[in-house]
Amino acid sequence: VIEYSLKLDSNPEFTSSVLVAYARAINRLH
């Protein structure tokens, strides 16, 4: 059994942190 879990105090702030990391990625790719 593989299990991955998240417990988030702030859904939008965690989502935003993912967005910024991936923004870095697509900027590099571009």
mmCIF file of all heavy atoms, coordinates in Angstrom:
data_MODEL
# 
_entry.id   MODEL 
# 
loop_
_atom_site.group_PDB 
_atom_site.id 
_atom_site.type_symbol 
_atom_site.label_atom_id 
_atom_site.label_alt_id 
_atom_site.label_comp_id 
_atom_site.label_asym_id 
_atom_site.label_entity_id 
_atom_site.label_seq_id 
_atom_site.pdbx_PDB_ins_code 
_atom_site.Cartn_x 
_atom_site.Cartn_y 
_atom_site.Cartn_z 
_atom_site.occupancy 
_atom_site.B_iso_or_equiv 
_atom_site.pdbx_formal_charge 
_atom_site.auth_seq_id 
_atom_site.auth_comp_id 
_atom_site.auth_asym_id 
_atom_site.auth_atom_id 
_atom_site.pdbx_PDB_model_num 
ATOM 1   N N   . VAL A 1 1  ? 0.857  -1.186 0.000   1.00 0.00 ? 1  VAL A N   1 
ATOM 2   C CA  . VAL A 1 1  ? 0.000  0.000  0.000   1.00 0.00 ? 1  VAL A CA  1 
ATOM 3   C C   . VAL A 1 1  ? 0.893  1.235  0.000   1.00 0.00 ? 1  VAL A C   1 
ATOM 4   O O   . VAL A 1 1  ? 1.719  1.425  0.898   1.00 0.00 ? 1  VAL A O   1 
ATOM 5   C CB  . VAL A 1 1  ? -0.945 0.033  1.215   1.00 0.00 ? 1  VAL A CB  1 
ATOM 6   C CG1 . VAL A 1 1  ? -1.770 1.325  1.203   1.00 0.00 ? 1  VAL A CG1 1 
ATOM 7   C CG2 . VAL A 1 1  ? -1.878 -1.181 1.214   1.00 0.00 ? 1  VAL A CG2 1 
ATOM 8   N N   . ILE A 1 2  ? 0.766  2.053  -1.036  1.00 0.00 ? 2  ILE A N   1 
ATOM 9   C CA  . ILE A 1 2  ? 1.444  3.354  -1.089  1.00 0.00 ? 2  ILE A CA  1 
ATOM 10  C C   . ILE A 1 2  ? 0.434  4.402  -0.641  1.00 0.00 ? 2  ILE A C   1 
ATOM 11  O O   . ILE A 1 2  ? -0.693 4.452  -1.144  1.00 0.00 ? 2  ILE A O   1 
ATOM 12  C CB  . ILE A 1 2  ? 1.916  3.669  -2.519  1.00 0.00 ? 2  ILE A CB  1 
ATOM 13  C CG1 . ILE A 1 2  ? 2.908  2.616  -3.016  1.00 0.00 ? 2  ILE A CG1 1 
ATOM 14  C CG2 . ILE A 1 2  ? 2.544  5.062  -2.585  1.00 0.00 ? 2  ILE A CG2 1 
ATOM 15  C CD1 . ILE A 1 2  ? 3.277  2.771  -4.478  1.00 0.00 ? 2  ILE A CD1 1 
ATOM 16  N N   . GLU A 1 3  ? 0.833  5.234  0.319   1.00 0.00 ? 3  GLU A N   1 
ATOM 17  C CA  . GLU A 1 3  ? -0.068 6.273  0.822   1.00 0.00 ? 3  GLU A CA  1 
ATOM 18  C C   . GLU A 1 3  ? 0.659  7.611  0.842   1.00 0.00 ? 3  GLU A C   1 
ATOM 19  O O   . GLU A 1 3  ? 1.760  7.725  1.371   1.00 0.00 ? 3  GLU A O   1 
ATOM 20  C CB  . GLU A 1 3  ? -0.567 5.941  2.225   1.00 0.00 ? 3  GLU A CB  1 
ATOM 21  C CG  . GLU A 1 3  ? -1.471 7.020  2.815   1.00 0.00 ? 3  GLU A CG  1 
ATOM 22  C CD  . GLU A 1 3  ? -2.035 6.668  4.190   1.00 0.00 ? 3  GLU A CD  1 
ATOM 23  O OE1 . GLU A 1 3  ? -1.906 5.494  4.606   1.00 0.00 ? 3  GLU A OE1 1 
ATOM 24  O OE2 . GLU A 1 3  ? -2.592 7.568  4.840   1.00 0.00 ? 3  GLU A OE2 1 
ATOM 25  N N   . TYR A 1 4  ? 0.026  8.611  0.255   1.00 0.00 ? 4  TYR A N   1 
ATOM 26  C CA  . TYR A 1 4  ? 0.534  9.979  0.289   1.00 0.00 ? 4  TYR A CA  1 
ATOM 27  C C   . TYR A 1 4  ? -0.566 10.839 0.874   1.00 0.00 ? 4  TYR A C   1 
ATOM 28  O O   . TYR A 1 4  ? -1.723 10.747 0.440   1.00 0.00 ? 4  TYR A O   1 
ATOM 29  C CB  . TYR A 1 4  ? 0.869  10.444 -1.124  1.00 0.00 ? 4  TYR A CB  1 
ATOM 30  C CG  . TYR A 1 4  ? 1.296  11.895 -1.250  1.00 0.00 ? 4  TYR A CG  1 
ATOM 31  C CD1 . TYR A 1 4  ? 2.594  12.292 -0.944  1.00 0.00 ? 4  TYR A CD1 1 
ATOM 32  C CD2 . TYR A 1 4  ? 0.406  12.869 -1.714  1.00 0.00 ? 4  TYR A CD2 1 
ATOM 33  C CE1 . TYR A 1 4  ? 3.000  13.617 -1.081  1.00 0.00 ? 4  TYR A CE1 1 
ATOM 34  C CE2 . TYR A 1 4  ? 0.801  14.194 -1.854  1.00 0.00 ? 4  TYR A CE2 1 
ATOM 35  C CZ  . TYR A 1 4  ? 2.094  14.561 -1.540  1.00 0.00 ? 4  TYR A CZ  1 
ATOM 36  O OH  . TYR A 1 4  ? 2.483  15.872 -1.678  1.00 0.00 ? 4  TYR A OH  1 
ATOM 37  N N   . SER A 1 5  ? -0.251 11.637 1.879   1.00 0.00 ? 5  SER A N   1 
ATOM 38  C CA  . SER A 1 5  ? -1.302 12.428 2.520   1.00 0.00 ? 5  SER A CA  1 
ATOM 39  C C   . SER A 1 5  ? -0.864 13.866 2.720   1.00 0.00 ? 5  SER A C   1 
ATOM 40  O O   . SER A 1 5  ? 0.335  14.165 2.814   1.00 0.00 ? 5  SER A O   1 
ATOM 41  C CB  . SER A 1 5  ? -1.694 11.817 3.867   1.00 0.00 ? 5  SER A CB  1 
ATOM 42  O OG  . SER A 1 5  ? -0.636 11.935 4.804   1.00 0.00 ? 5  SER A OG  1 
ATOM 43  N N   . LEU A 1 6  ? -1.843 14.752 2.777   1.00 0.00 ? 6  LEU A N   1 
ATOM 44  C CA  . LEU A 1 6  ? -1.625 16.168 3.054   1.00 0.00 ? 6  LEU A CA  1 
ATOM 45  C C   . LEU A 1 6  ? -2.590 16.618 4.134   1.00 0.00 ? 6  LEU A C   1 
ATOM 46  O O   . LEU A 1 6  ? -3.765 16.230 4.142   1.00 0.00 ? 6  LEU A O   1 
ATOM 47  C CB  . LEU A 1 6  ? -1.870 17.009 1.797   1.00 0.00 ? 6  LEU A CB  1 
ATOM 48  C CG  . LEU A 1 6  ? -0.906 16.832 0.630   1.00 0.00 ? 6  LEU A CG  1 
ATOM 49  C CD1 . LEU A 1 6  ? -1.416 17.609 -0.583  1.00 0.00 ? 6  LEU A CD1 1 
ATOM 50  C CD2 . LEU A 1 6  ? 0.491  17.293 1.012   1.00 0.00 ? 6  LEU A CD2 1 
ATOM 51  N N   . LYS A 1 7  ? -2.099 17.444 5.047   1.00 0.00 ? 7  LYS A N   1 
ATOM 52  C CA  . LYS A 1 7  ? -2.933 18.071 6.071   1.00 0.00 ? 7  LYS A CA  1 
ATOM 53  C C   . LYS A 1 7  ? -2.622 19.560 6.026   1.00 0.00 ? 7  LYS A C   1 
ATOM 54  O O   . LYS A 1 7  ? -1.548 19.984 6.427   1.00 0.00 ? 7  LYS A O   1 
ATOM 55  C CB  . LYS A 1 7  ? -2.637 17.467 7.447   1.00 0.00 ? 7  LYS A CB  1 
ATOM 56  C CG  . LYS A 1 7  ? -2.953 15.983 7.541   1.00 0.00 ? 7  LYS A CG  1 
ATOM 57  C CD  . LYS A 1 7  ? -2.498 15.385 8.860   1.00 0.00 ? 7  LYS A CD  1 
ATOM 58  C CE  . LYS A 1 7  ? -2.797 13.884 8.909   1.00 0.00 ? 7  LYS A CE  1 
ATOM 59  N NZ  . LYS A 1 7  ? -2.037 13.136 7.883   1.00 0.00 ? 7  LYS A NZ  1 
ATOM 60  N N   . LEU A 1 8  ? -3.572 20.338 5.531   1.00 0.00 ? 8  LEU A N   1 
ATOM 61  C CA  . LEU A 1 8  ? -3.300 21.732 5.178   1.00 0.00 ? 8  LEU A CA  1 
ATOM 62  C C   . LEU A 1 8  ? -4.121 22.696 6.036   1.00 0.00 ? 8  LEU A C   1 
ATOM 63  O O   . LEU A 1 8  ? -5.347 22.620 6.065   1.00 0.00 ? 8  LEU A O   1 
ATOM 64  C CB  . LEU A 1 8  ? -3.653 21.971 3.705   1.00 0.00 ? 8  LEU A CB  1 
ATOM 65  C CG  . LEU A 1 8  ? -3.117 20.930 2.700   1.00 0.00 ? 8  LEU A CG  1 
ATOM 66  C CD1 . LEU A 1 8  ? -3.621 21.250 1.300   1.00 0.00 ? 8  LEU A CD1 1 
ATOM 67  C CD2 . LEU A 1 8  ? -1.603 20.869 2.753   1.00 0.00 ? 8  LEU A CD2 1 
ATOM 68  N N   . ASP A 1 9  ? -3.434 23.614 6.704   1.00 0.00 ? 9  ASP A N   1 
ATOM 69  C CA  . ASP A 1 9  ? -4.133 24.676 7.429   1.00 0.00 ? 9  ASP A CA  1 
ATOM 70  C C   . ASP A 1 9  ? -4.802 25.644 6.466   1.00 0.00 ? 9  ASP A C   1 
ATOM 71  O O   . ASP A 1 9  ? -5.841 26.222 6.770   1.00 0.00 ? 9  ASP A O   1 
ATOM 72  C CB  . ASP A 1 9  ? -3.159 25.448 8.314   1.00 0.00 ? 9  ASP A CB  1 
ATOM 73  C CG  . ASP A 1 9  ? -2.990 24.822 9.690   1.00 0.00 ? 9  ASP A CG  1 
ATOM 74  O OD1 . ASP A 1 9  ? -3.683 23.824 9.986   1.00 0.00 ? 9  ASP A OD1 1 
ATOM 75  O OD2 . ASP A 1 9  ? -2.151 25.323 10.466  1.00 0.00 ? 9  ASP A OD2 1 
ATOM 76  N N   . SER A 1 10 ? -4.168 25.854 5.309   1.00 0.00 ? 10 SER A N   1 
ATOM 77  C CA  . SER A 1 10 ? -4.717 26.782 4.317   1.00 0.00 ? 10 SER A CA  1 
ATOM 78  C C   . SER A 1 10 ? -4.621 26.174 2.937   1.00 0.00 ? 10 SER A C   1 
ATOM 79  O O   . SER A 1 10 ? -3.536 26.088 2.353   1.00 0.00 ? 10 SER A O   1 
ATOM 80  C CB  . SER A 1 10 ? -3.962 28.119 4.355   1.00 0.00 ? 10 SER A CB  1 
ATOM 81  O OG  . SER A 1 10 ? -4.366 28.937 3.264   1.00 0.00 ? 10 SER A OG  1 
ATOM 82  N N   . ASN A 1 11 ? -5.747 25.765 2.420   1.00 0.00 ? 11 ASN A N   1 
ATOM 83  C CA  . ASN A 1 11 ? -5.824 25.219 1.071   1.00 0.00 ? 11 ASN A CA  1 
ATOM 84  C C   . ASN A 1 11 ? -5.246 26.195 0.037   1.00 0.00 ? 11 ASN A C   1 
ATOM 85  O O   . ASN A 1 11 ? -4.352 25.835 -0.739  1.00 0.00 ? 11 ASN A O   1 
ATOM 86  C CB  . ASN A 1 11 ? -7.294 24.878 0.774   1.00 0.00 ? 11 ASN A CB  1 
ATOM 87  C CG  . ASN A 1 11 ? -7.525 24.254 -0.584  1.00 0.00 ? 11 ASN A CG  1 
ATOM 88  O OD1 . ASN A 1 11 ? -6.629 24.152 -1.404  1.00 0.00 ? 11 ASN A OD1 1 
ATOM 89  N ND2 . ASN A 1 11 ? -8.757 23.855 -0.832  1.00 0.00 ? 11 ASN A ND2 1 
ATOM 90  N N   . PRO A 1 12 ? -5.705 27.475 0.000   1.00 0.00 ? 12 PRO A N   1 
ATOM 91  C CA  . PRO A 1 12 ? -5.192 28.369 -1.052  1.00 0.00 ? 12 PRO A CA  1 
ATOM 92  C C   . PRO A 1 12 ? -3.710 28.685 -0.904  1.00 0.00 ? 12 PRO A C   1 
ATOM 93  O O   . PRO A 1 12 ? -3.008 28.837 -1.911  1.00 0.00 ? 12 PRO A O   1 
ATOM 94  C CB  . PRO A 1 12 ? -6.049 29.632 -0.907  1.00 0.00 ? 12 PRO A CB  1 
ATOM 95  C CG  . PRO A 1 12 ? -6.638 29.563 0.453   1.00 0.00 ? 12 PRO A CG  1 
ATOM 96  C CD  . PRO A 1 12 ? -6.798 28.106 0.754   1.00 0.00 ? 12 PRO A CD  1 
ATOM 97  N N   . GLU A 1 13 ? -3.206 28.778 0.326   1.00 0.00 ? 13 GLU A N   1 
ATOM 98  C CA  . GLU A 1 13 ? -1.789 29.092 0.482   1.00 0.00 ? 13 GLU A CA  1 
ATOM 99  C C   . GLU A 1 13 ? -0.905 27.924 0.049   1.00 0.00 ? 13 GLU A C   1 
ATOM 100 O O   . GLU A 1 13 ? 0.161  28.130 -0.543  1.00 0.00 ? 13 GLU A O   1 
ATOM 101 C CB  . GLU A 1 13 ? -1.489 29.498 1.927   1.00 0.00 ? 13 GLU A CB  1 
ATOM 102 C CG  . GLU A 1 13 ? -2.015 30.886 2.277   1.00 0.00 ? 13 GLU A CG  1 
ATOM 103 C CD  . GLU A 1 13 ? -1.694 31.298 3.690   1.00 0.00 ? 13 GLU A CD  1 
ATOM 104 O OE1 . GLU A 1 13 ? -0.886 30.606 4.359   1.00 0.00 ? 13 GLU A OE1 1 
ATOM 105 O OE2 . GLU A 1 13 ? -2.258 32.304 4.148   1.00 0.00 ? 13 GLU A OE2 1 
ATOM 106 N N   . PHE A 1 14 ? -1.335 26.694 0.322   1.00 0.00 ? 14 PHE A N   1 
ATOM 107 C CA  . PHE A 1 14 ? -0.554 25.551 -0.150  1.00 0.00 ? 14 PHE A CA  1 
ATOM 108 C C   . PHE A 1 14 ? -0.617 25.464 -1.675  1.00 0.00 ? 14 PHE A C   1 
ATOM 109 O O   . PHE A 1 14 ? 0.403  25.260 -2.344  1.00 0.00 ? 14 PHE A O   1 
ATOM 110 C CB  . PHE A 1 14 ? -1.065 24.254 0.479   1.00 0.00 ? 14 PHE A CB  1 
ATOM 111 C CG  . PHE A 1 14 ? -0.224 23.057 0.133   1.00 0.00 ? 14 PHE A CG  1 
ATOM 112 C CD1 . PHE A 1 14 ? 0.916  22.751 0.855   1.00 0.00 ? 14 PHE A CD1 1 
ATOM 113 C CD2 . PHE A 1 14 ? -0.568 22.233 -0.931  1.00 0.00 ? 14 PHE A CD2 1 
ATOM 114 C CE1 . PHE A 1 14 ? 1.712  21.658 0.524   1.00 0.00 ? 14 PHE A CE1 1 
ATOM 115 C CE2 . PHE A 1 14 ? 0.216  21.138 -1.273  1.00 0.00 ? 14 PHE A CE2 1 
ATOM 116 C CZ  . PHE A 1 14 ? 1.357  20.850 -0.534  1.00 0.00 ? 14 PHE A CZ  1 
ATOM 117 N N   . THR A 1 15 ? -1.818 25.612 -2.232  1.00 0.00 ? 15 THR A N   1 
ATOM 118 C CA  . THR A 1 15 ? -1.975 25.598 -3.687  1.00 0.00 ? 15 THR A CA  1 
ATOM 119 C C   . THR A 1 15 ? -1.095 26.673 -4.329  1.00 0.00 ? 15 THR A C   1 
ATOM 120 O O   . THR A 1 15 ? -0.419 26.433 -5.338  1.00 0.00 ? 15 THR A O   1 
ATOM 121 C CB  . THR A 1 15 ? -3.442 25.837 -4.068  1.00 0.00 ? 15 THR A CB  1 
ATOM 122 O OG1 . THR A 1 15 ? -4.245 24.790 -3.507  1.00 0.00 ? 15 THR A OG1 1 
ATOM 123 C CG2 . THR A 1 15 ? -3.644 25.856 -5.584  1.00 0.00 ? 15 THR A CG2 1 
ATOM 124 N N   . SER A 1 16 ? -1.066 27.846 -3.728  1.00 0.00 ? 16 SER A N   1 
ATOM 125 C CA  . SER A 1 16 ? -0.253 28.941 -4.246  1.00 0.00 ? 16 SER A CA  1 
ATOM 126 C C   . SER A 1 16 ? 1.232  28.604 -4.221  1.00 0.00 ? 16 SER A C   1 
ATOM 127 O O   . SER A 1 16 ? 1.977  28.969 -5.138  1.00 0.00 ? 16 SER A O   1 
ATOM 128 C CB  . SER A 1 16 ? -0.492 30.204 -3.408  1.00 0.00 ? 16 SER A CB  1 
ATOM 129 O OG  . SER A 1 16 ? -1.841 30.596 -3.454  1.00 0.00 ? 16 SER A OG  1 
ATOM 130 N N   . SER A 1 17 ? 1.665  27.905 -3.176  1.00 0.00 ? 17 SER A N   1 
ATOM 131 C CA  . SER A 1 17 ? 3.071  27.518 -3.082  1.00 0.00 ? 17 SER A CA  1 
ATOM 132 C C   . SER A 1 17 ? 3.448  26.552 -4.198  1.00 0.00 ? 17 SER A C   1 
ATOM 133 O O   . SER A 1 17 ? 4.561  26.621 -4.746  1.00 0.00 ? 17 SER A O   1 
ATOM 134 C CB  . SER A 1 17 ? 3.341  26.886 -1.715  1.00 0.00 ? 17 SER A CB  1 
ATOM 135 O OG  . SER A 1 17 ? 3.115  27.820 -0.675  1.00 0.00 ? 17 SER A OG  1 
ATOM 136 N N   . VAL A 1 18 ? 2.536  25.661 -4.541  1.00 0.00 ? 18 VAL A N   1 
ATOM 137 C CA  . VAL A 1 18 ? 2.765  24.750 -5.667  1.00 0.00 ? 18 VAL A CA  1 
ATOM 138 C C   . VAL A 1 18 ? 2.826  25.545 -6.973  1.00 0.00 ? 18 VAL A C   1 
ATOM 139 O O   . VAL A 1 18 ? 3.692  25.321 -7.827  1.00 0.00 ? 18 VAL A O   1 
ATOM 140 C CB  . VAL A 1 18 ? 1.675  23.662 -5.734  1.00 0.00 ? 18 VAL A CB  1 
ATOM 141 C CG1 . VAL A 1 18 ? 1.936  22.712 -6.906  1.00 0.00 ? 18 VAL A CG1 1 
ATOM 142 C CG2 . VAL A 1 18 ? 1.603  22.870 -4.434  1.00 0.00 ? 18 VAL A CG2 1 
ATOM 143 N N   . LEU A 1 19 ? 1.925  26.510 -7.126  1.00 0.00 ? 19 LEU A N   1 
ATOM 144 C CA  . LEU A 1 19 ? 1.888  27.321 -8.343  1.00 0.00 ? 19 LEU A CA  1 
ATOM 145 C C   . LEU A 1 19 ? 3.199  28.084 -8.561  1.00 0.00 ? 19 LEU A C   1 
ATOM 146 O O   . LEU A 1 19 ? 3.710  28.148 -9.684  1.00 0.00 ? 19 LEU A O   1 
ATOM 147 C CB  . LEU A 1 19 ? 0.726  28.317 -8.271  1.00 0.00 ? 19 LEU A CB  1 
ATOM 148 C CG  . LEU A 1 19 ? -0.681 27.745 -8.483  1.00 0.00 ? 19 LEU A CG  1 
ATOM 149 C CD1 . LEU A 1 19 ? -1.737 28.751 -8.056  1.00 0.00 ? 19 LEU A CD1 1 
ATOM 150 C CD2 . LEU A 1 19 ? -0.892 27.352 -9.940  1.00 0.00 ? 19 LEU A CD2 1 
ATOM 151 N N   . VAL A 1 20 ? 3.744  28.642 -7.501  1.00 0.00 ? 20 VAL A N   1 
ATOM 152 C CA  . VAL A 1 20 ? 4.980  29.416 -7.640  1.00 0.00 ? 20 VAL A CA  1 
ATOM 153 C C   . VAL A 1 20 ? 6.146  28.504 -8.024  1.00 0.00 ? 20 VAL A C   1 
ATOM 154 O O   . VAL A 1 20 ? 6.984  28.849 -8.865  1.00 0.00 ? 20 VAL A O   1 
ATOM 155 C CB  . VAL A 1 20 ? 5.273  30.211 -6.356  1.00 0.00 ? 20 VAL A CB  1 
ATOM 156 C CG1 . VAL A 1 20 ? 6.672  30.814 -6.389  1.00 0.00 ? 20 VAL A CG1 1 
ATOM 157 C CG2 . VAL A 1 20 ? 4.235  31.314 -6.176  1.00 0.00 ? 20 VAL A CG2 1 
ATOM 158 N N   . ALA A 1 21 ? 6.211  27.311 -7.428  1.00 0.00 ? 21 ALA A N   1 
ATOM 159 C CA  . ALA A 1 21 ? 7.282  26.368 -7.787  1.00 0.00 ? 21 ALA A CA  1 
ATOM 160 C C   . ALA A 1 21 ? 7.187  25.972 -9.253  1.00 0.00 ? 21 ALA A C   1 
ATOM 161 O O   . ALA A 1 21 ? 8.206  25.911 -9.963  1.00 0.00 ? 21 ALA A O   1 
ATOM 162 C CB  . ALA A 1 21 ? 7.205  25.129 -6.892  1.00 0.00 ? 21 ALA A CB  1 
ATOM 163 N N   . TYR A 1 22 ? 5.976  25.718 -9.728  1.00 0.00 ? 22 TYR A N   1 
ATOM 164 C CA  . TYR A 1 22 ? 5.807  25.335 -11.134 1.00 0.00 ? 22 TYR A CA  1 
ATOM 165 C C   . TYR A 1 22 ? 5.947  26.527 -12.073 1.00 0.00 ? 22 TYR A C   1 
ATOM 166 O O   . TYR A 1 22 ? 6.304  26.355 -13.245 1.00 0.00 ? 22 TYR A O   1 
ATOM 167 C CB  . TYR A 1 22 ? 4.479  24.606 -11.331 1.00 0.00 ? 22 TYR A CB  1 
ATOM 168 C CG  . TYR A 1 22 ? 4.609  23.125 -11.062 1.00 0.00 ? 22 TYR A CG  1 
ATOM 169 C CD1 . TYR A 1 22 ? 4.347  22.604 -9.799  1.00 0.00 ? 22 TYR A CD1 1 
ATOM 170 C CD2 . TYR A 1 22 ? 5.034  22.254 -12.044 1.00 0.00 ? 22 TYR A CD2 1 
ATOM 171 C CE1 . TYR A 1 22 ? 4.500  21.249 -9.538  1.00 0.00 ? 22 TYR A CE1 1 
ATOM 172 C CE2 . TYR A 1 22 ? 5.188  20.903 -11.806 1.00 0.00 ? 22 TYR A CE2 1 
ATOM 173 C CZ  . TYR A 1 22 ? 4.916  20.399 -10.552 1.00 0.00 ? 22 TYR A CZ  1 
ATOM 174 O OH  . TYR A 1 22 ? 5.081  19.060 -10.301 1.00 0.00 ? 22 TYR A OH  1 
ATOM 175 N N   . ALA A 1 23 ? 5.680  27.735 -11.584 1.00 0.00 ? 23 ALA A N   1 
ATOM 176 C CA  . ALA A 1 23 ? 5.954  28.919 -12.397 1.00 0.00 ? 23 ALA A CA  1 
ATOM 177 C C   . ALA A 1 23 ? 7.451  29.009 -12.690 1.00 0.00 ? 23 ALA A C   1 
ATOM 178 O O   . ALA A 1 23 ? 7.866  29.340 -13.804 1.00 0.00 ? 23 ALA A O   1 
ATOM 179 C CB  . ALA A 1 23 ? 5.472  30.179 -11.682 1.00 0.00 ? 23 ALA A CB  1 
ATOM 180 N N   . ARG A 1 24 ? 8.267  28.703 -11.677 1.00 0.00 ? 24 ARG A N   1 
ATOM 181 C CA  . ARG A 1 24 ? 9.722  28.670 -11.877 1.00 0.00 ? 24 ARG A CA  1 
ATOM 182 C C   . ARG A 1 24 ? 10.078 27.665 -12.981 1.00 0.00 ? 24 ARG A C   1 
ATOM 183 O O   . ARG A 1 24 ? 10.915 27.941 -13.847 1.00 0.00 ? 24 ARG A O   1 
ATOM 184 C CB  . ARG A 1 24 ? 10.411 28.288 -10.568 1.00 0.00 ? 24 ARG A CB  1 
ATOM 185 C CG  . ARG A 1 24 ? 11.935 28.152 -10.694 1.00 0.00 ? 24 ARG A CG  1 
ATOM 186 C CD  . ARG A 1 24 ? 12.560 27.646 -9.397  1.00 0.00 ? 24 ARG A CD  1 
ATOM 187 N NE  . ARG A 1 24 ? 12.458 28.617 -8.323  1.00 0.00 ? 24 ARG A NE  1 
ATOM 188 C CZ  . ARG A 1 24 ? 11.745 28.433 -7.207  1.00 0.00 ? 24 ARG A CZ  1 
ATOM 189 N NH1 . ARG A 1 24 ? 11.071 27.301 -7.024  1.00 0.00 ? 24 ARG A NH1 1 
ATOM 190 N NH2 . ARG A 1 24 ? 11.717 29.362 -6.275  1.00 0.00 ? 24 ARG A NH2 1 
ATOM 191 N N   . ALA A 1 25 ? 9.428  26.509 -12.939 1.00 0.00 ? 25 ALA A N   1 
ATOM 192 C CA  . ALA A 1 25 ? 9.720  25.457 -13.915 1.00 0.00 ? 25 ALA A CA  1 
ATOM 193 C C   . ALA A 1 25 ? 9.381  25.891 -15.334 1.00 0.00 ? 25 ALA A C   1 
ATOM 194 O O   . ALA A 1 25 ? 10.181 25.711 -16.261 1.00 0.00 ? 25 ALA A O   1 
ATOM 195 C CB  . ALA A 1 25 ? 8.963  24.184 -13.547 1.00 0.00 ? 25 ALA A CB  1 
ATOM 196 N N   . ILE A 1 26 ? 8.194  26.477 -15.521 1.00 0.00 ? 26 ILE A N   1 
ATOM 197 C CA  . ILE A 1 26 ? 7.824  26.826 -16.901 1.00 0.00 ? 26 ILE A CA  1 
ATOM 198 C C   . ILE A 1 26 ? 8.612  28.031 -17.395 1.00 0.00 ? 26 ILE A C   1 
ATOM 199 O O   . ILE A 1 26 ? 8.864  28.164 -18.592 1.00 0.00 ? 26 ILE A O   1 
ATOM 200 C CB  . ILE A 1 26 ? 6.298  27.030 -17.084 1.00 0.00 ? 26 ILE A CB  1 
ATOM 201 C CG1 . ILE A 1 26 ? 5.770  28.201 -16.268 1.00 0.00 ? 26 ILE A CG1 1 
ATOM 202 C CG2 . ILE A 1 26 ? 5.551  25.744 -16.767 1.00 0.00 ? 26 ILE A CG2 1 
ATOM 203 C CD1 . ILE A 1 26 ? 4.320  28.564 -16.626 1.00 0.00 ? 26 ILE A CD1 1 
ATOM 204 N N   . ASN A 1 27 ? 9.034  28.892 -16.495 1.00 0.00 ? 27 ASN A N   1 
ATOM 205 C CA  . ASN A 1 27 ? 9.906  29.997 -16.907 1.00 0.00 ? 27 ASN A CA  1 
ATOM 206 C C   . ASN A 1 27 ? 11.231 29.454 -17.427 1.00 0.00 ? 27 ASN A C   1 
ATOM 207 O O   . ASN A 1 27 ? 11.753 29.919 -18.452 1.00 0.00 ? 27 ASN A O   1 
ATOM 208 C CB  . ASN A 1 27 ? 10.138 30.939 -15.722 1.00 0.00 ? 27 ASN A CB  1 
ATOM 209 C CG  . ASN A 1 27 ? 10.935 32.168 -16.112 1.00 0.00 ? 27 ASN A CG  1 
ATOM 210 O OD1 . ASN A 1 27 ? 10.638 32.830 -17.104 1.00 0.00 ? 27 ASN A OD1 1 
ATOM 211 N ND2 . ASN A 1 27 ? 11.967 32.480 -15.330 1.00 0.00 ? 27 ASN A ND2 1 
ATOM 212 N N   . ARG A 1 28 ? 11.781 28.454 -16.746 1.00 0.00 ? 28 ARG A N   1 
ATOM 213 C CA  . ARG A 1 28 ? 13.026 27.832 -17.206 1.00 0.00 ? 28 ARG A CA  1 
ATOM 214 C C   . ARG A 1 28 ? 12.835 27.131 -18.548 1.00 0.00 ? 28 ARG A C   1 
ATOM 215 O O   . ARG A 1 28 ? 13.674 27.239 -19.447 1.00 0.00 ? 28 ARG A O   1 
ATOM 216 C CB  . ARG A 1 28 ? 13.509 26.826 -16.154 1.00 0.00 ? 28 ARG A CB  1 
ATOM 217 C CG  . ARG A 1 28 ? 14.082 27.478 -14.910 1.00 0.00 ? 28 ARG A CG  1 
ATOM 218 C CD  . ARG A 1 28 ? 14.379 26.436 -13.851 1.00 0.00 ? 28 ARG A CD  1 
ATOM 219 N NE  . ARG A 1 28 ? 15.163 26.997 -12.751 1.00 0.00 ? 28 ARG A NE  1 
ATOM 220 C CZ  . ARG A 1 28 ? 15.452 26.335 -11.638 1.00 0.00 ? 28 ARG A CZ  1 
ATOM 221 N NH1 . ARG A 1 28 ? 15.028 25.101 -11.472 1.00 0.00 ? 28 ARG A NH1 1 
ATOM 222 N NH2 . ARG A 1 28 ? 16.166 26.908 -10.692 1.00 0.00 ? 28 ARG A NH2 1 
ATOM 223 N N   . LEU A 1 29 ? 11.721 26.412 -18.673 1.00 0.00 ? 29 LEU A N   1 
ATOM 224 C CA  . LEU A 1 29 ? 11.456 25.702 -19.920 1.00 0.00 ? 29 LEU A CA  1 
ATOM 225 C C   . LEU A 1 29 ? 11.286 26.672 -21.090 1.00 0.00 ? 29 LEU A C   1 
ATOM 226 O O   . LEU A 1 29 ? 11.749 26.416 -22.197 1.00 0.00 ? 29 LEU A O   1 
ATOM 227 C CB  . LEU A 1 29 ? 10.219 24.814 -19.771 1.00 0.00 ? 29 LEU A CB  1 
ATOM 228 C CG  . LEU A 1 29 ? 10.416 23.546 -18.954 1.00 0.00 ? 29 LEU A CG  1 
ATOM 229 C CD1 . LEU A 1 29 ? 9.072  22.919 -18.602 1.00 0.00 ? 29 LEU A CD1 1 
ATOM 230 C CD2 . LEU A 1 29 ? 11.278 22.541 -19.710 1.00 0.00 ? 29 LEU A CD2 1 
ATOM 231 N N   . HIS A 1 30 ? 10.609 27.789 -20.825 1.00 0.00 ? 30 HIS A N   1 
ATOM 232 C CA  . HIS A 1 30 ? 10.412 28.763 -21.894 1.00 0.00 ? 30 HIS A CA  1 
ATOM 233 C C   . HIS A 1 30 ? 11.743 29.341 -22.349 1.00 0.00 ? 30 HIS A C   1 
ATOM 234 O O   . HIS A 1 30 ? 11.947 29.603 -23.548 1.00 0.00 ? 30 HIS A O   1 
ATOM 235 C CB  . HIS A 1 30 ? 9.471  29.884 -21.437 1.00 0.00 ? 30 HIS A CB  1 
ATOM 236 C CG  . HIS A 1 30 ? 9.051  30.795 -22.540 1.00 0.00 ? 30 HIS A CG  1 
ATOM 237 N ND1 . HIS A 1 30 ? 9.512  32.083 -22.682 1.00 0.00 ? 30 HIS A ND1 1 
ATOM 238 C CD2 . HIS A 1 30 ? 8.214  30.585 -23.596 1.00 0.00 ? 30 HIS A CD2 1 
ATOM 239 C CE1 . HIS A 1 30 ? 8.981  32.625 -23.751 1.00 0.00 ? 30 HIS A CE1 1 
ATOM 240 N NE2 . HIS A 1 30 ? 8.190  31.754 -24.333 1.00 0.00 ? 30 HIS A NE2 1 
# 
